[in-house]
């Protein structure tokens, strides 16, 4: 949907930020990225195809964690989140909004540097403080 919308409104790709899930990040951890490939993510691959192969757009990724054990990744993606995952994802969404606001005032590169550092140890800090 992002590709057709950007084309309809004639948005330059440096004004587009795609928000998507990422199994490579821990659940609830956000990461800002200036550009990149699709990393086998079908939705992101579709966006890149709509942008005629251009990958020069920003992404805000939200971690959903890895499937447990030998669980099929497709089944993992289609199931409902457990209570802890839902709590972490719900908490991450307002943090993403803060990052988007910061991009407007500080720019993408500077915001990504600060924001990604803040996110890196997010749950390690809270888990060590509670023990």
N, C-alpha and C. Protein backbone atom coordinates (compact mmCIF):
# COMPACT_ATOMS: atom_id res chain seq x y z
N UNK A 1 0.81 -1.20 0.00
CA UNK A 1 0.00 0.00 0.00
C UNK A 1 0.86 1.27 0.00
N UNK A 2 2.07 1.20 0.58
CA UNK A 2 2.92 2.39 0.66
C UNK A 2 3.35 2.87 -0.72
N UNK A 3 3.70 1.94 -1.60
CA UNK A 3 4.14 2.31 -2.94
C UNK A 3 3.10 3.07 -3.73
N UNK A 4 1.87 2.54 -3.86
CA UNK A 4 0.84 3.27 -4.59
C UNK A 4 0.49 4.62 -3.97
N UNK A 5 0.48 4.70 -2.62
CA UNK A 5 0.18 5.98 -1.97
C UNK A 5 1.25 7.02 -2.28
N UNK A 6 2.51 6.61 -2.18
CA UNK A 6 3.60 7.55 -2.46
C UNK A 6 3.54 8.01 -3.91
N UNK A 7 3.23 7.08 -4.82
CA UNK A 7 3.13 7.45 -6.24
C UNK A 7 1.96 8.39 -6.47
N UNK A 8 0.82 8.11 -5.86
CA UNK A 8 -0.37 8.94 -6.04
C UNK A 8 -0.11 10.38 -5.59
N UNK A 9 0.54 10.52 -4.43
CA UNK A 9 0.81 11.86 -3.89
C UNK A 9 2.14 12.44 -4.40
N UNK A 10 2.81 11.71 -5.29
CA UNK A 10 4.08 12.13 -5.89
C UNK A 10 5.12 12.50 -4.82
N UNK A 11 5.20 11.65 -3.80
CA UNK A 11 6.16 11.87 -2.72
C UNK A 11 7.54 11.39 -3.14
N UNK A 12 8.56 12.20 -2.94
CA UNK A 12 9.92 11.70 -3.17
C UNK A 12 10.25 10.66 -2.09
N UNK A 13 11.07 9.67 -2.44
CA UNK A 13 11.35 8.59 -1.50
C UNK A 13 12.04 9.06 -0.23
N UNK A 14 12.73 10.21 -0.28
CA UNK A 14 13.35 10.70 0.95
C UNK A 14 12.32 11.28 1.92
N UNK A 15 11.05 11.25 1.54
CA UNK A 15 9.95 11.69 2.41
C UNK A 15 9.08 10.51 2.86
N UNK A 16 9.50 9.30 2.53
CA UNK A 16 8.74 8.10 2.86
C UNK A 16 9.43 7.34 3.98
N UNK A 17 8.66 6.92 4.98
CA UNK A 17 9.16 6.04 6.04
C UNK A 17 8.19 4.86 6.10
N UNK A 18 8.70 3.67 5.88
CA UNK A 18 7.89 2.46 5.92
C UNK A 18 8.06 1.82 7.29
N UNK A 19 6.94 1.52 7.94
CA UNK A 19 6.92 0.88 9.25
C UNK A 19 6.60 -0.59 9.04
N UNK A 20 7.46 -1.49 9.55
CA UNK A 20 7.21 -2.92 9.35
C UNK A 20 7.76 -3.77 10.49
N UNK A 21 7.23 -4.98 10.58
CA UNK A 21 7.66 -5.93 11.60
C UNK A 21 8.99 -6.55 11.18
N UNK A 22 9.72 -7.07 12.19
CA UNK A 22 11.02 -7.67 11.91
C UNK A 22 11.30 -8.78 12.92
N UNK A 23 11.43 -10.01 12.43
CA UNK A 23 11.72 -11.15 13.31
C UNK A 23 13.16 -11.15 13.81
N UNK A 24 14.02 -10.36 13.21
CA UNK A 24 15.43 -10.33 13.63
C UNK A 24 15.65 -9.45 14.85
N UNK A 25 14.67 -8.66 15.23
CA UNK A 25 14.79 -7.80 16.41
C UNK A 25 14.01 -8.41 17.56
N UNK A 26 14.49 -8.22 18.79
CA UNK A 26 13.72 -8.68 19.95
C UNK A 26 12.35 -8.00 19.99
N UNK A 27 11.39 -8.68 20.51
CA UNK A 27 10.02 -8.18 20.55
C UNK A 27 9.92 -6.82 21.24
N UNK A 28 9.33 -5.86 20.54
CA UNK A 28 9.12 -4.53 21.09
C UNK A 28 10.26 -3.55 20.90
N UNK A 29 11.38 -4.01 20.33
CA UNK A 29 12.52 -3.13 20.09
C UNK A 29 12.34 -2.50 18.70
N UNK A 30 12.55 -1.20 18.64
CA UNK A 30 12.42 -0.44 17.39
C UNK A 30 13.79 -0.12 16.82
N UNK A 31 13.85 0.02 15.51
CA UNK A 31 15.10 0.41 14.88
C UNK A 31 14.79 1.28 13.66
N UNK A 32 15.45 2.42 13.58
CA UNK A 32 15.34 3.30 12.41
C UNK A 32 16.47 2.98 11.45
N UNK A 33 16.14 2.91 10.18
CA UNK A 33 17.12 2.58 9.16
C UNK A 33 16.92 3.51 7.98
N UNK A 34 17.99 4.07 7.47
CA UNK A 34 17.89 5.05 6.38
C UNK A 34 17.54 4.44 5.05
N UNK A 35 18.00 3.23 4.79
CA UNK A 35 17.72 2.53 3.53
C UNK A 35 18.17 1.09 3.69
N UNK A 36 17.94 0.28 2.68
CA UNK A 36 18.39 -1.10 2.74
C UNK A 36 17.57 -1.99 1.84
N UNK A 37 17.84 -3.28 1.94
CA UNK A 37 17.15 -4.27 1.14
C UNK A 37 15.87 -4.74 1.82
N UNK A 38 15.33 -5.82 1.31
CA UNK A 38 14.09 -6.34 1.87
C UNK A 38 14.32 -7.43 2.90
N UNK A 39 15.52 -8.03 2.95
CA UNK A 39 15.81 -9.05 3.94
C UNK A 39 14.81 -10.20 3.96
N UNK A 40 14.31 -10.59 2.80
CA UNK A 40 13.31 -11.68 2.66
C UNK A 40 11.95 -11.33 3.26
N UNK A 41 11.72 -10.09 3.57
CA UNK A 41 10.43 -9.65 4.10
C UNK A 41 9.51 -9.40 2.90
N UNK A 42 8.46 -10.18 2.78
CA UNK A 42 7.60 -10.10 1.60
C UNK A 42 6.93 -8.73 1.45
N UNK A 43 6.46 -8.17 2.54
CA UNK A 43 5.81 -6.86 2.46
C UNK A 43 6.77 -5.78 2.01
N UNK A 44 7.99 -5.82 2.56
CA UNK A 44 9.00 -4.83 2.18
C UNK A 44 9.45 -5.05 0.73
N UNK A 45 9.52 -6.30 0.32
CA UNK A 45 9.87 -6.60 -1.08
C UNK A 45 8.82 -6.01 -2.02
N UNK A 46 7.55 -6.10 -1.62
CA UNK A 46 6.47 -5.53 -2.42
C UNK A 46 6.59 -4.02 -2.53
N UNK A 47 6.94 -3.37 -1.42
CA UNK A 47 7.13 -1.91 -1.43
C UNK A 47 8.25 -1.54 -2.38
N UNK A 48 9.36 -2.25 -2.30
CA UNK A 48 10.50 -1.98 -3.19
C UNK A 48 10.09 -2.17 -4.64
N UNK A 49 9.31 -3.19 -4.91
CA UNK A 49 8.83 -3.40 -6.29
C UNK A 49 7.97 -2.24 -6.75
N UNK A 50 7.10 -1.73 -5.87
CA UNK A 50 6.27 -0.58 -6.23
C UNK A 50 7.12 0.68 -6.47
N UNK A 51 8.26 0.74 -5.82
CA UNK A 51 9.17 1.87 -6.01
C UNK A 51 10.16 1.58 -7.15
N UNK A 52 9.80 0.64 -8.01
CA UNK A 52 10.61 0.26 -9.17
C UNK A 52 12.03 -0.15 -8.79
N UNK A 53 12.14 -0.89 -7.69
CA UNK A 53 13.43 -1.41 -7.25
C UNK A 53 14.24 -0.45 -6.41
N UNK A 54 13.77 0.76 -6.23
CA UNK A 54 14.51 1.74 -5.44
C UNK A 54 14.38 1.42 -3.95
N UNK A 55 15.51 1.37 -3.27
CA UNK A 55 15.55 1.03 -1.84
C UNK A 55 15.91 2.23 -0.97
N UNK A 56 15.92 3.40 -1.57
CA UNK A 56 16.37 4.61 -0.90
C UNK A 56 15.25 5.27 -0.10
N UNK A 57 14.62 4.52 0.78
CA UNK A 57 13.59 5.06 1.66
C UNK A 57 13.85 4.55 3.07
N UNK A 58 13.41 5.33 4.04
CA UNK A 58 13.65 4.99 5.44
C UNK A 58 12.67 3.93 5.91
N UNK A 59 13.09 3.23 6.96
CA UNK A 59 12.24 2.21 7.57
C UNK A 59 12.27 2.38 9.09
N UNK A 60 11.13 2.15 9.69
CA UNK A 60 11.04 2.04 11.14
C UNK A 60 10.60 0.61 11.40
N UNK A 61 11.52 -0.17 11.94
CA UNK A 61 11.26 -1.59 12.15
C UNK A 61 10.85 -1.84 13.59
N UNK A 62 9.89 -2.74 13.79
CA UNK A 62 9.49 -3.14 15.14
C UNK A 62 9.72 -4.64 15.28
N UNK A 63 10.49 -4.98 16.30
CA UNK A 63 10.81 -6.38 16.52
C UNK A 63 9.60 -7.17 17.01
N UNK A 64 9.47 -8.37 16.47
CA UNK A 64 8.43 -9.29 16.95
C UNK A 64 9.06 -10.57 17.49
N UNK A 65 10.39 -10.64 17.48
CA UNK A 65 11.08 -11.81 18.00
C UNK A 65 11.08 -12.97 17.01
N UNK A 66 11.79 -14.02 17.41
CA UNK A 66 11.92 -15.22 16.58
C UNK A 66 10.88 -16.25 16.99
N UNK A 67 10.49 -17.12 16.06
CA UNK A 67 9.59 -18.22 16.43
C UNK A 67 10.26 -19.14 17.44
N UNK A 68 9.51 -19.63 18.40
CA UNK A 68 10.12 -20.53 19.39
C UNK A 68 10.42 -21.91 18.78
N UNK A 69 11.53 -22.49 19.22
CA UNK A 69 11.89 -23.85 18.79
C UNK A 69 11.92 -24.02 17.29
N UNK A 70 11.22 -25.03 16.82
CA UNK A 70 11.17 -25.35 15.39
C UNK A 70 9.90 -24.83 14.72
N UNK A 71 9.22 -23.90 15.36
CA UNK A 71 7.96 -23.39 14.81
C UNK A 71 8.17 -22.76 13.44
N UNK A 72 7.24 -23.02 12.54
CA UNK A 72 7.28 -22.45 11.21
C UNK A 72 7.12 -20.93 11.30
N UNK A 73 8.03 -20.17 10.68
CA UNK A 73 7.93 -18.70 10.75
C UNK A 73 6.59 -18.16 10.24
N UNK A 74 6.02 -18.79 9.22
CA UNK A 74 4.73 -18.32 8.70
C UNK A 74 3.64 -18.48 9.75
N UNK A 75 3.64 -19.61 10.45
CA UNK A 75 2.65 -19.84 11.52
C UNK A 75 2.86 -18.83 12.65
N UNK A 76 4.13 -18.55 12.96
CA UNK A 76 4.45 -17.58 14.00
C UNK A 76 3.89 -16.20 13.66
N UNK A 77 4.05 -15.80 12.40
CA UNK A 77 3.57 -14.48 11.97
C UNK A 77 2.05 -14.36 12.04
N UNK A 78 1.35 -15.47 11.86
CA UNK A 78 -0.11 -15.43 11.81
C UNK A 78 -0.79 -15.61 13.16
N UNK A 79 -0.04 -16.02 14.16
CA UNK A 79 -0.66 -16.22 15.48
C UNK A 79 -0.80 -14.92 16.24
N UNK A 80 -1.64 -14.91 17.26
CA UNK A 80 -1.78 -13.73 18.12
C UNK A 80 -0.59 -13.65 19.05
N UNK A 81 -0.21 -12.42 19.41
CA UNK A 81 0.89 -12.22 20.35
C UNK A 81 0.46 -12.64 21.74
N UNK A 82 1.41 -13.19 22.51
CA UNK A 82 1.10 -13.49 23.91
C UNK A 82 1.08 -12.18 24.70
N UNK A 83 0.73 -12.25 25.98
CA UNK A 83 0.53 -11.03 26.79
C UNK A 83 1.80 -10.18 26.89
N UNK A 84 2.95 -10.81 27.08
CA UNK A 84 4.20 -10.06 27.22
C UNK A 84 4.56 -9.38 25.90
N UNK A 85 4.43 -10.11 24.80
CA UNK A 85 4.73 -9.54 23.49
C UNK A 85 3.78 -8.38 23.18
N UNK A 86 2.51 -8.55 23.46
CA UNK A 86 1.52 -7.49 23.21
C UNK A 86 1.85 -6.24 24.02
N UNK A 87 2.26 -6.45 25.28
CA UNK A 87 2.62 -5.32 26.16
C UNK A 87 3.83 -4.57 25.60
N UNK A 88 4.84 -5.31 25.15
CA UNK A 88 6.05 -4.69 24.61
C UNK A 88 5.76 -3.95 23.31
N UNK A 89 4.96 -4.53 22.46
CA UNK A 89 4.62 -3.88 21.19
C UNK A 89 3.78 -2.65 21.43
N UNK A 90 2.80 -2.74 22.33
CA UNK A 90 1.97 -1.58 22.66
C UNK A 90 2.81 -0.44 23.23
N UNK A 91 3.83 -0.79 24.03
CA UNK A 91 4.70 0.25 24.61
C UNK A 91 5.61 0.86 23.55
N UNK A 92 5.97 0.08 22.54
CA UNK A 92 6.89 0.56 21.50
C UNK A 92 6.23 1.56 20.55
N UNK A 93 4.95 1.44 20.33
CA UNK A 93 4.30 2.30 19.35
C UNK A 93 4.43 3.79 19.67
N UNK A 94 4.16 4.23 20.92
CA UNK A 94 4.37 5.66 21.22
C UNK A 94 5.85 6.08 21.09
N UNK A 95 6.77 5.15 21.35
CA UNK A 95 8.19 5.45 21.17
C UNK A 95 8.49 5.71 19.70
N UNK A 96 7.84 4.96 18.83
CA UNK A 96 7.99 5.18 17.40
C UNK A 96 7.48 6.54 16.97
N UNK A 97 6.39 6.97 17.57
CA UNK A 97 5.84 8.29 17.27
C UNK A 97 6.83 9.37 17.68
N UNK A 98 7.47 9.20 18.84
CA UNK A 98 8.49 10.15 19.29
C UNK A 98 9.63 10.21 18.28
N UNK A 99 10.05 9.05 17.79
CA UNK A 99 11.13 9.02 16.80
C UNK A 99 10.73 9.76 15.53
N UNK A 100 9.51 9.56 15.07
CA UNK A 100 9.04 10.24 13.86
C UNK A 100 9.01 11.75 14.05
N UNK A 101 8.60 12.19 15.22
CA UNK A 101 8.61 13.63 15.51
C UNK A 101 10.04 14.17 15.52
N UNK A 102 10.95 13.41 16.10
CA UNK A 102 12.36 13.85 16.15
C UNK A 102 12.95 13.97 14.76
N UNK A 103 12.54 13.08 13.85
CA UNK A 103 13.05 13.15 12.48
C UNK A 103 12.71 14.50 11.86
N UNK A 104 11.53 15.01 12.16
CA UNK A 104 11.11 16.30 11.60
C UNK A 104 12.02 17.43 12.04
N UNK A 105 12.50 17.38 13.28
CA UNK A 105 13.30 18.48 13.83
C UNK A 105 14.80 18.25 13.74
N UNK A 106 15.24 16.99 13.86
CA UNK A 106 16.66 16.68 13.92
C UNK A 106 17.19 16.01 12.66
N UNK A 107 16.31 15.52 11.81
CA UNK A 107 16.74 14.78 10.62
C UNK A 107 16.85 13.30 10.91
N UNK A 108 16.83 12.52 9.85
CA UNK A 108 16.82 11.07 9.98
C UNK A 108 18.12 10.51 10.54
N UNK A 109 19.25 10.96 10.01
CA UNK A 109 20.54 10.39 10.44
C UNK A 109 20.79 10.61 11.92
N UNK A 110 20.60 11.83 12.37
CA UNK A 110 20.85 12.16 13.78
C UNK A 110 19.85 11.43 14.70
N UNK A 111 18.58 11.40 14.30
CA UNK A 111 17.57 10.71 15.10
C UNK A 111 17.86 9.22 15.16
N UNK A 112 18.23 8.62 14.03
CA UNK A 112 18.52 7.18 14.00
C UNK A 112 19.67 6.84 14.93
N UNK A 113 20.71 7.65 14.93
CA UNK A 113 21.87 7.41 15.79
C UNK A 113 21.45 7.40 17.26
N UNK A 114 20.71 8.41 17.68
CA UNK A 114 20.26 8.51 19.07
C UNK A 114 19.23 7.43 19.40
N UNK A 115 18.23 7.31 18.56
CA UNK A 115 17.11 6.41 18.83
C UNK A 115 17.56 4.95 18.87
N UNK A 116 18.37 4.53 17.92
CA UNK A 116 18.81 3.14 17.88
C UNK A 116 19.66 2.79 19.09
N UNK A 117 20.45 3.74 19.56
CA UNK A 117 21.25 3.51 20.78
C UNK A 117 20.33 3.35 21.99
N UNK A 118 19.30 4.17 22.09
CA UNK A 118 18.33 4.07 23.19
C UNK A 118 17.60 2.73 23.17
N UNK A 119 17.28 2.25 21.99
CA UNK A 119 16.52 1.00 21.84
C UNK A 119 17.37 -0.24 22.08
N UNK A 120 18.66 -0.12 21.85
CA UNK A 120 19.55 -1.29 21.85
C UNK A 120 19.46 -2.12 23.12
N UNK A 121 19.47 -1.48 24.26
CA UNK A 121 19.49 -2.20 25.53
C UNK A 121 18.20 -2.02 26.31
N UNK A 122 17.14 -1.68 25.63
CA UNK A 122 15.87 -1.33 26.27
C UNK A 122 15.39 -2.38 27.27
N UNK A 123 15.29 -3.62 26.88
CA UNK A 123 14.76 -4.63 27.78
C UNK A 123 15.81 -5.24 28.69
N UNK A 124 17.07 -5.13 28.31
CA UNK A 124 18.14 -5.58 29.20
C UNK A 124 18.17 -4.70 30.44
N UNK A 125 18.03 -3.36 30.23
CA UNK A 125 18.03 -2.43 31.36
C UNK A 125 16.87 -2.70 32.29
N UNK A 126 15.66 -2.85 31.74
CA UNK A 126 14.48 -3.01 32.60
C UNK A 126 14.51 -4.35 33.32
N UNK A 127 15.07 -5.40 32.69
CA UNK A 127 15.11 -6.71 33.31
C UNK A 127 16.15 -6.75 34.42
N UNK A 128 17.29 -6.05 34.24
CA UNK A 128 18.31 -6.06 35.29
C UNK A 128 17.89 -5.18 36.47
N UNK A 129 17.08 -4.17 36.22
CA UNK A 129 16.61 -3.30 37.30
C UNK A 129 15.58 -4.00 38.16
N UNK A 130 14.87 -4.96 37.60
CA UNK A 130 13.82 -5.63 38.37
C UNK A 130 14.36 -6.81 39.17
N UNK A 131 15.65 -7.17 38.96
CA UNK A 131 16.21 -8.30 39.72
C UNK A 131 17.06 -7.83 40.85
